[in-house]
Protein backbone atom coordinates (compact mmCIF):
# COMPACT_ATOMS: atom_id res chain seq x y z
CA MET A 1 -20.25 59.04 -13.90
CA LYS A 2 -20.37 61.75 -16.54
CA ARG A 3 -22.48 61.43 -19.10
CA LYS A 4 -21.35 60.08 -21.94
CA PHE A 5 -20.30 62.71 -25.17
CA ILE A 6 -18.98 62.54 -28.56
CA ILE A 7 -17.41 65.02 -30.94
CA SER A 8 -15.35 64.80 -33.76
CA THR A 9 -11.41 66.10 -33.60
CA ALA A 10 -12.61 68.03 -36.66
CA SER A 11 -15.07 69.94 -34.01
CA LEU A 12 -13.52 69.93 -31.50
CA LEU A 13 -10.49 71.97 -33.15
CA PHE A 14 -13.32 74.24 -34.18
CA LEU A 15 -14.28 75.06 -30.34
CA LEU A 16 -11.09 75.67 -29.66
CA ALA A 17 -10.32 77.93 -32.30
CA GLY A 18 -13.81 79.75 -31.62
CA CYS A 19 -11.35 82.95 -30.12
CA SER A 20 -9.57 83.70 -32.87
CA ASP A 21 -10.67 85.65 -35.93
CA SER A 22 -13.88 84.49 -37.24
CA ASP A 23 -12.21 84.72 -40.75
CA THR A 24 -9.81 81.99 -39.89
CA SER A 25 -12.36 79.52 -38.22
CA LYS A 26 -14.07 79.31 -41.35
CA ASP A 27 -10.91 77.94 -43.20
CA LEU A 28 -11.15 75.10 -40.97
CA GLU A 29 -12.42 72.21 -43.03
CA PRO A 30 -14.27 69.61 -40.53
CA THR A 31 -13.14 66.30 -40.92
CA LYS A 32 -14.37 62.73 -40.43
CA GLU A 33 -11.01 60.91 -39.35
CA SER A 34 -11.44 60.72 -35.52
CA LYS A 35 -13.83 61.00 -32.72
CA LEU A 36 -13.24 62.06 -29.24
CA ILE A 37 -15.47 60.22 -26.76
CA VAL A 38 -16.04 59.88 -22.68
CA ASP A 39 -15.93 56.25 -21.59
CA GLU A 40 -16.83 55.05 -18.58
CA LEU A 41 -13.63 55.29 -16.46
CA ASP A 42 -14.27 59.20 -17.40
CA ARG A 43 -11.31 59.00 -19.74
CA GLU A 44 -11.29 61.03 -23.02
CA VAL A 45 -10.43 58.70 -25.50
CA THR A 46 -9.32 59.48 -29.25
CA ILE A 47 -10.83 56.77 -31.15
CA PRO A 48 -11.01 56.18 -35.52
CA SER A 49 -14.38 57.51 -37.26
CA LYS A 50 -14.28 54.40 -38.93
CA LEU A 51 -13.64 50.99 -37.39
CA ASP A 52 -13.14 48.25 -39.13
CA SER A 53 -10.92 45.62 -36.36
CA VAL A 54 -12.47 46.00 -32.53
CA VAL A 55 -11.59 43.27 -29.85
CA MET A 56 -12.98 42.91 -26.88
CA GLY A 57 -11.36 41.34 -23.75
CA SER A 58 -13.17 40.72 -20.17
CA ILE A 59 -16.19 42.88 -20.58
CA LEU A 60 -17.53 39.78 -22.43
CA PRO A 61 -21.54 40.41 -23.15
CA TYR A 62 -19.86 43.45 -25.10
CA PHE A 63 -19.90 41.48 -28.41
CA SER A 64 -23.61 41.28 -28.80
CA THR A 65 -24.07 44.88 -27.85
CA TRP A 66 -22.02 46.13 -30.53
CA TYR A 67 -24.10 43.52 -33.14
CA ILE A 68 -27.62 45.16 -32.20
CA ALA A 69 -26.08 48.33 -32.44
CA THR A 70 -23.94 48.09 -35.73
CA ASN A 71 -26.65 45.12 -37.14
CA SER A 72 -22.73 43.54 -37.97
CA THR A 73 -19.89 41.58 -36.51
CA ASP A 74 -17.53 42.06 -38.89
CA GLU A 75 -16.00 44.40 -37.42
CA ILE A 76 -14.83 42.29 -34.10
CA THR A 77 -11.46 40.58 -34.70
CA GLY A 78 -11.19 39.22 -31.17
CA ILE A 79 -12.97 38.08 -28.39
CA HIS A 80 -12.48 36.26 -24.54
CA PRO A 81 -12.57 32.66 -25.26
CA ASN A 82 -15.43 32.72 -22.56
CA SER A 83 -17.51 35.38 -25.31
CA TYR A 84 -16.60 32.75 -27.77
CA ASN A 85 -18.26 29.56 -26.54
CA ALA A 86 -21.14 31.57 -25.52
CA ALA A 87 -21.26 32.90 -29.32
CA SER A 88 -20.79 29.57 -30.79
CA HIS A 89 -23.82 28.20 -28.69
CA SER A 90 -26.02 31.23 -29.54
CA ILE A 91 -28.16 31.88 -32.60
CA LEU A 92 -25.71 35.31 -33.07
CA LYS A 93 -23.81 33.20 -34.98
CA ASP A 94 -26.59 32.11 -37.46
CA ILE A 95 -27.51 35.53 -37.38
CA SER A 96 -24.36 36.76 -38.32
CA PRO A 97 -21.81 33.74 -38.66
CA SER A 98 -19.00 35.89 -38.67
CA ILE A 99 -18.57 36.21 -34.94
CA LEU A 100 -17.09 32.82 -35.29
CA ASP A 101 -14.03 34.38 -37.15
CA ALA A 102 -13.32 36.35 -34.12
CA LYS A 103 -9.99 35.23 -32.40
CA THR A 104 -9.54 34.01 -28.97
CA ASN A 105 -5.81 33.69 -28.62
CA PHE A 106 -4.62 37.12 -27.28
CA ILE A 107 -5.93 35.69 -23.88
CA GLU A 108 -4.02 33.54 -22.07
CA ASN A 109 -4.38 31.84 -18.89
CA GLY A 110 -7.05 34.89 -18.04
CA GLU A 111 -4.31 37.95 -19.38
CA VAL A 112 -4.02 39.83 -22.60
CA ASN A 113 -0.93 38.57 -24.55
CA ILE A 114 -0.13 42.11 -26.08
CA GLU A 115 2.06 40.50 -28.73
CA GLN A 116 -1.01 38.44 -30.04
CA LEU A 117 -3.38 41.06 -29.81
CA MET A 118 -1.36 43.52 -31.89
CA SER A 119 -1.23 40.58 -34.33
CA LEU A 120 -4.90 41.54 -34.68
CA ASN A 121 -4.61 45.26 -35.69
CA PRO A 122 -7.18 45.94 -33.46
CA GLN A 123 -8.60 50.12 -33.99
CA VAL A 124 -10.26 49.90 -30.43
CA TYR A 125 -10.06 47.47 -27.45
CA PHE A 126 -12.74 47.50 -25.33
CA GLU A 127 -11.90 46.18 -21.47
CA ILE A 128 -13.91 45.82 -18.55
CA ALA A 129 -13.45 49.23 -16.57
CA ASN A 130 -12.61 47.40 -13.03
CA GLN A 131 -9.39 46.06 -14.92
CA GLU A 132 -7.35 48.82 -14.54
CA LYS A 133 -3.85 47.08 -14.62
CA THR A 134 -4.51 45.79 -18.12
CA ILE A 135 -6.21 49.24 -19.36
CA ASN A 136 -3.19 50.99 -18.30
CA LYS A 137 -0.84 48.00 -19.77
CA LEU A 138 -2.71 48.43 -22.79
CA GLU A 139 -2.35 51.82 -23.04
CA GLU A 140 1.45 51.83 -22.76
CA SER A 141 1.86 49.37 -25.60
CA GLY A 142 -0.14 52.39 -27.81
CA ILE A 143 -3.35 50.03 -28.45
CA THR A 144 -6.34 52.06 -27.61
CA THR A 145 -8.55 51.35 -24.88
CA VAL A 146 -12.29 52.06 -24.24
CA ALA A 147 -13.52 51.06 -20.39
CA LEU A 148 -17.12 49.94 -20.14
CA ASP A 149 -18.64 49.63 -16.80
CA THR A 150 -20.97 46.75 -15.37
CA ASN A 151 -21.52 48.11 -11.81
CA THR A 152 -24.84 50.62 -11.19
CA THR A 153 -26.06 52.08 -8.47
CA SER A 154 -29.91 51.74 -9.98
CA LEU A 155 -31.63 48.38 -9.56
CA ASN A 156 -33.20 48.62 -13.06
CA PRO A 157 -31.43 45.77 -15.31
CA LEU A 158 -31.52 48.17 -18.04
CA ASP A 159 -29.42 50.35 -16.94
CA THR A 160 -25.96 48.83 -17.98
CA LEU A 161 -27.58 47.52 -22.13
CA ASN A 162 -28.91 51.02 -21.99
CA ARG A 163 -25.69 53.06 -21.12
CA TRP A 164 -23.80 50.65 -23.36
CA LEU A 165 -26.13 51.45 -26.61
CA LYS A 166 -25.84 54.80 -26.22
CA LEU A 167 -22.02 54.81 -26.29
CA THR A 168 -21.90 52.27 -28.84
CA GLY A 169 -24.21 54.30 -30.97
CA GLU A 170 -21.97 57.30 -30.83
CA ILE A 171 -18.78 55.82 -31.29
CA THR A 172 -20.18 54.03 -34.45
CA GLY A 173 -23.19 56.69 -35.39
CA THR A 174 -25.94 53.93 -35.33
CA THR A 175 -28.42 54.88 -33.21
CA ASP A 176 -32.09 54.06 -34.36
CA ARG A 177 -32.07 50.60 -33.17
CA PRO A 178 -30.16 50.94 -29.80
CA ASN A 179 -33.36 53.53 -29.32
CA GLU A 180 -35.97 51.20 -30.44
CA ILE A 181 -34.42 47.99 -27.80
CA ILE A 182 -34.08 51.14 -25.09
CA LYS A 183 -37.92 51.70 -25.80
CA GLU A 184 -39.10 48.29 -26.13
CA GLY A 185 -37.32 47.56 -22.33
CA GLU A 186 -39.01 50.58 -20.77
CA GLU A 187 -42.40 49.65 -22.38
CA ASN A 188 -41.75 45.76 -21.27
CA GLN A 189 -40.84 47.18 -17.75
CA LYS A 190 -43.78 49.17 -17.73
CA MET A 191 -46.18 46.64 -18.66
CA ILE A 192 -44.80 44.27 -15.61
CA ASN A 193 -44.85 47.26 -13.00
CA GLU A 194 -49.02 47.78 -14.01
CA THR A 195 -49.82 43.77 -13.75
CA LEU A 196 -48.11 43.33 -10.34
CA ALA A 197 -49.16 46.48 -8.53
CA ASP A 198 -51.86 45.01 -6.76
CA VAL A 199 -49.22 42.29 -5.85
CA GLY A 200 -48.01 42.44 -1.76
CA ASP A 201 -44.58 41.27 -0.27
CA LYS A 202 -45.91 37.89 1.12
CA GLU A 203 -47.45 37.08 -2.13
CA LYS A 204 -44.02 37.70 -4.01
CA PRO A 205 -42.40 34.49 -4.41
CA ARG A 206 -38.79 33.77 -2.46
CA VAL A 207 -35.86 33.34 -5.45
CA MET A 208 -32.19 32.12 -5.23
CA VAL A 209 -29.83 32.79 -8.34
CA LEU A 210 -27.38 30.03 -8.35
CA GLN A 211 -24.37 31.47 -10.30
CA TYR A 212 -21.77 29.30 -9.95
CA HIS A 213 -22.05 25.60 -8.71
CA SER A 214 -20.41 22.20 -9.25
CA ASN A 215 -19.93 19.16 -6.80
CA GLY A 216 -17.45 21.11 -4.51
CA GLU A 217 -18.88 24.73 -5.10
CA ILE A 218 -22.43 26.53 -4.39
CA SER A 219 -22.05 30.00 -5.62
CA VAL A 220 -24.73 32.42 -5.10
CA ALA A 221 -25.54 35.90 -6.42
CA GLY A 222 -27.24 38.34 -4.22
CA THR A 223 -27.04 42.50 -3.96
CA GLY A 224 -25.19 44.08 -6.87
CA MET A 225 -25.67 41.46 -9.23
CA HIS A 226 -27.46 41.56 -12.17
CA GLY A 227 -29.74 38.46 -10.79
CA ASN A 228 -30.76 40.88 -8.08
CA ARG A 229 -32.15 43.56 -10.63
CA TRP A 230 -33.88 41.02 -12.19
CA LEU A 231 -35.77 39.84 -9.58
CA ASP A 232 -36.51 43.52 -8.45
CA ALA A 233 -37.79 43.88 -11.84
CA THR A 234 -39.85 41.02 -12.23
CA GLY A 235 -41.13 41.27 -8.85
CA GLY A 236 -39.44 38.51 -6.96
CA ILE A 237 -37.74 38.58 -3.40
CA ASP A 238 -34.37 37.62 -3.61
CA VAL A 239 -33.59 35.53 -0.52
CA ALA A 240 -30.16 36.08 -0.59
CA ALA A 241 -30.48 39.83 -0.20
CA LYS A 242 -29.97 40.36 3.36
CA ASP A 243 -26.93 37.80 3.52
CA ILE A 244 -24.93 38.46 0.44
CA GLU A 245 -23.42 41.44 -1.46
CA GLY A 246 -21.78 40.46 -4.80
CA ILE A 247 -21.45 36.44 -5.24
CA LYS A 248 -20.47 34.29 -2.15
CA ALA A 249 -19.76 30.53 -1.68
CA VAL A 250 -22.70 29.06 0.90
CA ASN A 251 -23.06 25.57 1.90
CA MET A 252 -26.52 23.37 2.01
CA GLU A 253 -27.82 24.13 5.65
CA GLN A 254 -28.04 27.94 4.09
CA ILE A 255 -29.67 26.62 0.70
CA TYR A 256 -32.37 24.72 3.24
CA LYS A 257 -32.95 27.89 5.21
CA TRP A 258 -33.79 30.25 2.68
CA ASN A 259 -36.08 27.13 1.03
CA PRO A 260 -36.81 29.28 -2.26
CA ASP A 261 -39.62 28.80 -4.05
CA ILE A 262 -37.89 29.40 -7.12
CA ILE A 263 -34.81 28.94 -7.96
CA TYR A 264 -32.76 30.74 -11.67
CA ILE A 265 -29.55 28.76 -12.69
CA THR A 266 -26.87 31.10 -14.58
CA ASN A 267 -25.45 30.14 -17.85
CA PHE A 268 -21.78 30.47 -16.15
CA THR A 269 -21.73 27.43 -14.85
CA GLU A 270 -22.90 24.00 -16.38
CA THR A 271 -25.72 22.40 -13.82
CA GLN A 272 -29.13 22.13 -15.38
CA PRO A 273 -33.01 21.93 -13.57
CA ASP A 274 -32.65 18.30 -14.29
CA ASP A 275 -29.24 17.82 -12.14
CA LEU A 276 -30.96 19.81 -8.94
CA TYR A 277 -34.17 17.44 -9.49
CA ASN A 278 -32.56 14.02 -10.09
CA ASN A 279 -29.77 14.67 -7.14
CA THR A 280 -26.77 14.11 -9.25
CA PHE A 281 -24.01 15.89 -6.91
CA SER A 282 -22.96 13.46 -4.28
CA SER A 283 -22.17 15.78 -1.58
CA GLN A 284 -25.59 17.78 -2.02
CA ASP A 285 -29.05 16.58 -1.52
CA TRP A 286 -31.52 19.48 -3.22
CA SER A 287 -34.43 17.17 -2.64
CA GLN A 288 -35.79 19.24 0.66
CA VAL A 289 -35.42 22.35 -1.03
CA LYS A 290 -39.15 23.88 -1.77
CA ALA A 291 -38.15 25.15 -5.43
CA VAL A 292 -36.83 21.69 -6.37
CA GLN A 293 -40.04 19.84 -4.93
CA ASP A 294 -42.22 22.00 -6.92
CA LYS A 295 -40.02 21.94 -9.90
CA LYS A 296 -39.43 25.65 -10.52
CA VAL A 297 -35.79 25.54 -11.68
CA TYR A 298 -34.82 27.27 -14.37
CA LYS A 299 -31.93 27.75 -16.77
CA MET A 300 -31.66 31.55 -17.92
CA PRO A 301 -31.93 31.18 -21.79
CA LEU A 302 -29.03 31.92 -24.33
CA GLY A 303 -30.07 34.16 -27.38
CA ILE A 304 -27.55 36.25 -28.85
CA TYR A 305 -26.00 35.98 -25.86
CA ARG A 306 -26.62 34.77 -22.11
CA TRP A 307 -29.77 36.38 -20.75
CA TYR A 308 -28.39 37.08 -17.60
CA PRO A 309 -25.96 39.54 -17.62
CA PRO A 310 -26.88 42.90 -20.04
CA SER A 311 -28.00 41.69 -23.69
CA GLY A 312 -29.83 42.70 -26.49
CA ASP A 313 -31.98 40.21 -25.62
CA ALA A 314 -32.76 42.08 -22.04
CA PRO A 315 -36.26 43.29 -23.24
CA LEU A 316 -37.44 39.25 -23.65
CA MET A 317 -35.56 38.66 -20.10
CA LEU A 318 -38.02 41.00 -18.54
CA LYS A 319 -41.13 38.87 -19.62
CA TRP A 320 -39.38 35.53 -19.25
CA MET A 321 -38.65 35.92 -15.99
CA ALA A 322 -41.81 37.83 -15.20
CA GLN A 323 -43.89 34.77 -16.49
CA HIS A 324 -41.92 32.36 -14.28
CA ASN A 325 -42.51 34.30 -11.68
CA TYR A 326 -46.18 34.52 -11.83
CA PRO A 327 -47.60 32.20 -14.70
CA ASP A 328 -50.83 32.85 -13.61
CA ARG A 329 -50.64 36.76 -14.29
CA PHE A 330 -48.44 36.74 -17.87
CA ASP A 331 -49.94 34.61 -20.56
CA TYR A 332 -47.87 35.39 -23.54
CA ASP A 333 -46.45 32.53 -25.44
CA MET A 334 -42.87 33.52 -24.84
CA GLY A 335 -41.94 31.23 -27.57
CA GLU A 336 -43.78 33.66 -30.38
CA GLU A 337 -42.53 36.65 -28.09
CA ILE A 338 -39.20 35.61 -28.78
CA LYS A 339 -39.55 34.83 -32.90
CA ASP A 340 -41.62 38.61 -32.82
CA TYR A 341 -38.80 40.33 -31.24
CA TYR A 342 -36.34 38.74 -33.52
CA SER A 343 -38.01 38.92 -36.60
CA ARG A 344 -38.38 43.44 -35.60
CA PHE A 345 -34.98 43.86 -34.24
CA TYR A 346 -32.37 41.49 -35.93
CA ASP A 347 -34.53 40.78 -39.32
CA TYR A 348 -34.32 37.49 -38.42
CA LYS A 349 -36.89 34.71 -38.81
CA LEU A 350 -36.62 32.01 -35.78
CA ASN A 351 -37.70 28.65 -36.34
CA ASP A 352 -39.11 26.18 -33.50
CA GLU A 353 -36.27 24.46 -33.09
CA GLN A 354 -34.12 27.75 -32.55
CA VAL A 355 -36.62 29.36 -30.39
CA GLN A 356 -35.93 25.91 -28.33
CA GLN A 357 -32.03 26.08 -27.94
CA ILE A 358 -33.09 29.93 -27.05
CA LEU A 359 -34.74 28.62 -24.07
CA ASN A 360 -33.23 25.70 -23.00
CA PRO A 361 -29.13 26.69 -23.85
CA PRO A 362 -26.76 23.26 -23.15
CA SER A 363 -24.34 23.14 -20.58
CA GLU A 364 -21.51 23.10 -23.24
CA ALA A 365 -22.48 26.62 -23.36
CA ALA A 366 -21.01 27.84 -20.12
CA LYS A 367 -17.36 26.25 -20.78
CA TYR A 368 -14.37 27.79 -22.48
């Protein structure tokens, strides 16, 4: 993937004029009307320098990245219904209430309705890079589209967020907070690595990430997924890594075979730890699984966005999961860690009730 860069259109014209008479080049007056960027499909995209109407499609977490890069959601005029549901159950709605003004009607049956989208007058539409059919459709309709990739060959769970933060900072001209959050994540990872330096593989917890779940489905995340990266970063052994690439449906017999010490449940399913503890799913018996027997099933938090995929709270996710994996080695108060982080990076003072909302998101947060 190419390194992202950004230059103004005026600067580009200046460079192209470099081979002509120097006096002529002096007459070029720089403007700030547009910028040329390279998105994560390595496409050159010209965007306005000043943005006051942006829309996010299937790149579900990106609205929170925009906020942490710009300190604003005022420019966001449209987001995916799934993103909106997460936002409506997030703390972001309290910090930046304008996120709830964003429209969702441009997504119909999972597809982009061009006519509805055009009614939002988007200057830029952000889309997930693997939706090239949609991207081409948007470009053909004259809608400027920036592609963002969720894939990475790195096991570093912060890589995707860091890329998005840097690109968004370049697009908007705001780089201070993105750089500070990237640094915070790197420092947290260094602390975790140092704390776990003497832990051998036999001492590491065996962990499973429950991605989607219902009475008729048990889908587990394996290699190439965010869960696998989080576990690698926080000293957990992914029990599904040898058997699953991506996300795959499995049966209870496979769960029994893995018999994980810990289970993490993502925010993309309504299932809660108590559902497994109480065996509420008639077709599944979770009582035989070690993580359930030991009461080590945890729902992933939801702050300004879900903590499982890339979000502005990613440095906190590292600390949260490391503490659950090794409670005897990480003795900080996670509630105080969250309050301190939100105060420093979002200039927002959380109360105890809000901290509990972050740490215990409701099942409704997975619906849309």
